[in-house]
Amino acid sequence: MRFLHFLFLIFGLAAGCAVFGQNDTRGLINGDLIVGDVKTVNKGVLTVETDYSDSDFKIEWTRWFLSNLPSLL
């Protein structure tokens, strides 16, 4: 019985990590936040896929400065 509880605990933790690990938060110099999935960082351009836009955002490397802001969410 304890083994079964242990398996449920491990499965629950793994599922929780998968759910919370989906989105990244990027803060811009003007204070705006972009929440989405970072697809690529190539030659100084960050590409972010968001749920609220039809196309991906492309941000120059010098334009973004904050990463993963759990304290603001």
N, C-alpha and C. Protein backbone atom coordinates (compact mmCIF):
# COMPACT_ATOMS: atom_id res chain seq x y z
N MET A 1 0.82 -1.20 0.00
CA MET A 1 0.00 0.00 0.00
C MET A 1 0.86 1.26 0.00
N ARG A 2 1.94 1.24 0.78
CA ARG A 2 2.82 2.41 0.81
C ARG A 2 3.47 2.64 -0.54
N PHE A 3 3.81 1.54 -1.21
CA PHE A 3 4.42 1.66 -2.53
C PHE A 3 3.47 2.34 -3.51
N LEU A 4 2.19 2.00 -3.43
CA LEU A 4 1.19 2.62 -4.29
C LEU A 4 1.07 4.11 -4.00
N HIS A 5 1.08 4.49 -2.75
CA HIS A 5 1.05 5.91 -2.38
C HIS A 5 2.28 6.63 -2.90
N PHE A 6 3.42 5.96 -2.79
CA PHE A 6 4.67 6.54 -3.28
C PHE A 6 4.60 6.78 -4.79
N LEU A 7 4.05 5.82 -5.53
CA LEU A 7 3.91 5.98 -6.98
C LEU A 7 2.99 7.15 -7.33
N PHE A 8 1.88 7.28 -6.61
CA PHE A 8 0.97 8.40 -6.85
C PHE A 8 1.65 9.73 -6.55
N LEU A 9 2.45 9.77 -5.51
CA LEU A 9 3.17 10.99 -5.15
C LEU A 9 4.17 11.37 -6.25
N ILE A 10 4.94 10.41 -6.70
CA ILE A 10 5.92 10.66 -7.77
C ILE A 10 5.22 11.10 -9.05
N PHE A 11 4.14 10.42 -9.41
CA PHE A 11 3.40 10.78 -10.62
C PHE A 11 2.83 12.19 -10.50
N GLY A 12 2.29 12.52 -9.35
CA GLY A 12 1.73 13.86 -9.15
C GLY A 12 2.78 14.95 -9.24
N LEU A 13 3.94 14.71 -8.66
CA LEU A 13 5.02 15.69 -8.74
C LEU A 13 5.52 15.85 -10.18
N ALA A 14 5.65 14.75 -10.88
CA ALA A 14 6.11 14.82 -12.27
C ALA A 14 5.10 15.55 -13.15
N ALA A 15 3.83 15.27 -12.96
CA ALA A 15 2.80 15.95 -13.74
C ALA A 15 2.75 17.44 -13.41
N GLY A 16 2.92 17.78 -12.15
CA GLY A 16 2.93 19.19 -11.76
C GLY A 16 4.09 19.95 -12.36
N CYS A 17 5.25 19.33 -12.41
CA CYS A 17 6.42 19.97 -13.02
C CYS A 17 6.20 20.17 -14.51
N ALA A 18 5.57 19.23 -15.16
CA ALA A 18 5.33 19.35 -16.60
C ALA A 18 4.35 20.48 -16.89
N VAL A 19 3.33 20.64 -16.07
CA VAL A 19 2.34 21.69 -16.27
C VAL A 19 2.94 23.07 -16.03
N PHE A 20 3.70 23.22 -14.97
CA PHE A 20 4.24 24.53 -14.64
C PHE A 20 5.48 24.89 -15.45
N GLY A 21 6.05 23.97 -16.17
CA GLY A 21 7.26 24.24 -16.92
C GLY A 21 7.01 24.67 -18.35
N GLN A 22 5.78 24.96 -18.72
CA GLN A 22 5.46 25.23 -20.11
C GLN A 22 5.78 26.65 -20.55
N ASN A 23 5.53 27.65 -19.74
CA ASN A 23 5.67 29.03 -20.17
C ASN A 23 6.85 29.72 -19.53
N ASP A 24 7.47 30.59 -20.30
CA ASP A 24 8.53 31.45 -19.82
C ASP A 24 7.99 32.87 -19.79
N THR A 25 8.55 33.69 -18.93
CA THR A 25 8.16 35.09 -18.85
C THR A 25 9.37 35.95 -19.17
N ARG A 26 9.18 36.89 -20.07
CA ARG A 26 10.24 37.82 -20.45
C ARG A 26 9.76 39.23 -20.17
N GLY A 27 10.61 40.00 -19.52
CA GLY A 27 10.31 41.40 -19.25
C GLY A 27 11.09 42.29 -20.20
N LEU A 28 10.42 43.27 -20.75
CA LEU A 28 11.06 44.20 -21.67
C LEU A 28 11.48 45.46 -20.93
N ILE A 29 12.30 46.26 -21.57
CA ILE A 29 12.81 47.49 -20.95
C ILE A 29 11.68 48.44 -20.58
N ASN A 30 10.61 48.48 -21.39
CA ASN A 30 9.50 49.39 -21.11
C ASN A 30 8.55 48.86 -20.05
N GLY A 31 8.84 47.69 -19.47
CA GLY A 31 8.02 47.15 -18.40
C GLY A 31 7.00 46.12 -18.84
N ASP A 32 6.80 45.95 -20.14
CA ASP A 32 5.86 44.95 -20.63
C ASP A 32 6.39 43.54 -20.36
N LEU A 33 5.47 42.61 -20.17
CA LEU A 33 5.84 41.21 -19.98
C LEU A 33 5.31 40.39 -21.14
N ILE A 34 6.10 39.46 -21.62
CA ILE A 34 5.68 38.53 -22.65
C ILE A 34 5.73 37.14 -22.02
N VAL A 35 4.58 36.45 -22.05
CA VAL A 35 4.49 35.11 -21.48
C VAL A 35 4.28 34.13 -22.63
N GLY A 36 5.16 33.16 -22.74
CA GLY A 36 5.04 32.19 -23.81
C GLY A 36 6.17 31.18 -23.77
N ASP A 37 6.29 30.44 -24.83
CA ASP A 37 7.29 29.39 -24.94
C ASP A 37 8.45 29.90 -25.79
N VAL A 38 9.66 29.92 -25.22
CA VAL A 38 10.83 30.35 -25.98
C VAL A 38 11.16 29.25 -26.98
N LYS A 39 11.14 29.60 -28.26
CA LYS A 39 11.42 28.62 -29.31
C LYS A 39 12.89 28.59 -29.67
N THR A 40 13.47 29.77 -29.92
CA THR A 40 14.88 29.82 -30.31
C THR A 40 15.53 31.11 -29.82
N VAL A 41 16.83 31.05 -29.68
CA VAL A 41 17.66 32.24 -29.50
C VAL A 41 18.78 32.07 -30.52
N ASN A 42 18.75 32.90 -31.57
CA ASN A 42 19.68 32.73 -32.66
C ASN A 42 20.19 34.08 -33.14
N LYS A 43 21.49 34.27 -33.09
CA LYS A 43 22.15 35.48 -33.58
C LYS A 43 21.55 36.74 -32.95
N GLY A 44 21.33 36.69 -31.65
CA GLY A 44 20.84 37.87 -30.94
C GLY A 44 19.36 38.12 -31.05
N VAL A 45 18.59 37.16 -31.55
CA VAL A 45 17.14 37.32 -31.69
C VAL A 45 16.45 36.20 -30.92
N LEU A 46 15.59 36.59 -29.97
CA LEU A 46 14.81 35.65 -29.17
C LEU A 46 13.45 35.48 -29.84
N THR A 47 13.04 34.25 -30.11
CA THR A 47 11.74 33.97 -30.71
C THR A 47 10.86 33.32 -29.66
N VAL A 48 9.68 33.94 -29.42
CA VAL A 48 8.75 33.48 -28.38
C VAL A 48 7.39 33.20 -29.02
N GLU A 49 6.85 32.02 -28.74
CA GLU A 49 5.51 31.66 -29.19
C GLU A 49 4.54 31.91 -28.03
N THR A 50 3.47 32.67 -28.29
CA THR A 50 2.50 32.98 -27.25
C THR A 50 1.12 32.46 -27.64
N ASP A 51 0.25 32.33 -26.64
CA ASP A 51 -1.13 31.91 -26.89
C ASP A 51 -1.98 33.04 -27.46
N TYR A 52 -1.58 34.27 -27.23
CA TYR A 52 -2.40 35.42 -27.59
C TYR A 52 -1.98 36.10 -28.88
N SER A 53 -1.16 35.46 -29.69
CA SER A 53 -0.74 36.03 -30.96
C SER A 53 -0.71 34.95 -32.03
N ASP A 54 -1.09 35.33 -33.25
CA ASP A 54 -1.07 34.38 -34.36
C ASP A 54 0.35 34.07 -34.83
N SER A 55 1.25 35.05 -34.69
CA SER A 55 2.63 34.83 -35.12
C SER A 55 3.56 34.93 -33.92
N ASP A 56 4.75 34.41 -34.07
CA ASP A 56 5.75 34.43 -33.00
C ASP A 56 6.35 35.82 -32.85
N PHE A 57 6.70 36.17 -31.61
CA PHE A 57 7.39 37.42 -31.34
C PHE A 57 8.88 37.20 -31.54
N LYS A 58 9.52 38.15 -32.20
CA LYS A 58 10.97 38.12 -32.35
C LYS A 58 11.51 39.38 -31.70
N ILE A 59 12.37 39.19 -30.71
CA ILE A 59 12.87 40.30 -29.90
C ILE A 59 14.38 40.32 -29.99
N GLU A 60 14.94 41.49 -30.28
CA GLU A 60 16.39 41.61 -30.30
C GLU A 60 16.95 41.36 -28.91
N TRP A 61 18.11 40.72 -28.84
CA TRP A 61 18.74 40.33 -27.59
C TRP A 61 18.88 41.50 -26.64
N THR A 62 19.20 42.68 -27.12
CA THR A 62 19.41 43.85 -26.26
C THR A 62 18.11 44.43 -25.74
N ARG A 63 16.97 44.00 -26.27
CA ARG A 63 15.68 44.57 -25.87
C ARG A 63 15.03 43.86 -24.69
N TRP A 64 15.48 42.68 -24.36
CA TRP A 64 14.88 41.97 -23.22
C TRP A 64 15.94 41.76 -22.15
N PHE A 65 15.52 41.78 -20.91
CA PHE A 65 16.52 41.76 -19.86
C PHE A 65 16.15 40.92 -18.65
N LEU A 66 14.93 40.54 -18.48
CA LEU A 66 14.53 39.75 -17.32
C LEU A 66 14.09 38.36 -17.77
N SER A 67 14.31 37.38 -16.93
CA SER A 67 14.00 36.02 -17.30
C SER A 67 13.32 35.29 -16.14
N ASN A 68 12.22 34.59 -16.47
CA ASN A 68 11.51 33.76 -15.48
C ASN A 68 11.21 34.54 -14.20
N LEU A 69 10.13 35.27 -14.21
CA LEU A 69 9.78 36.15 -13.11
C LEU A 69 8.66 35.56 -12.26
N PRO A 70 8.92 34.52 -11.50
CA PRO A 70 7.84 33.93 -10.71
C PRO A 70 7.32 34.85 -9.63
N SER A 71 8.13 35.81 -9.18
CA SER A 71 7.68 36.71 -8.12
C SER A 71 6.61 37.68 -8.61
N LEU A 72 6.54 37.93 -9.92
CA LEU A 72 5.55 38.85 -10.46
C LEU A 72 4.28 38.15 -10.89
N LEU A 73 4.33 36.84 -10.99
CA LEU A 73 3.16 36.11 -11.48
C LEU A 73 2.33 35.68 -10.35
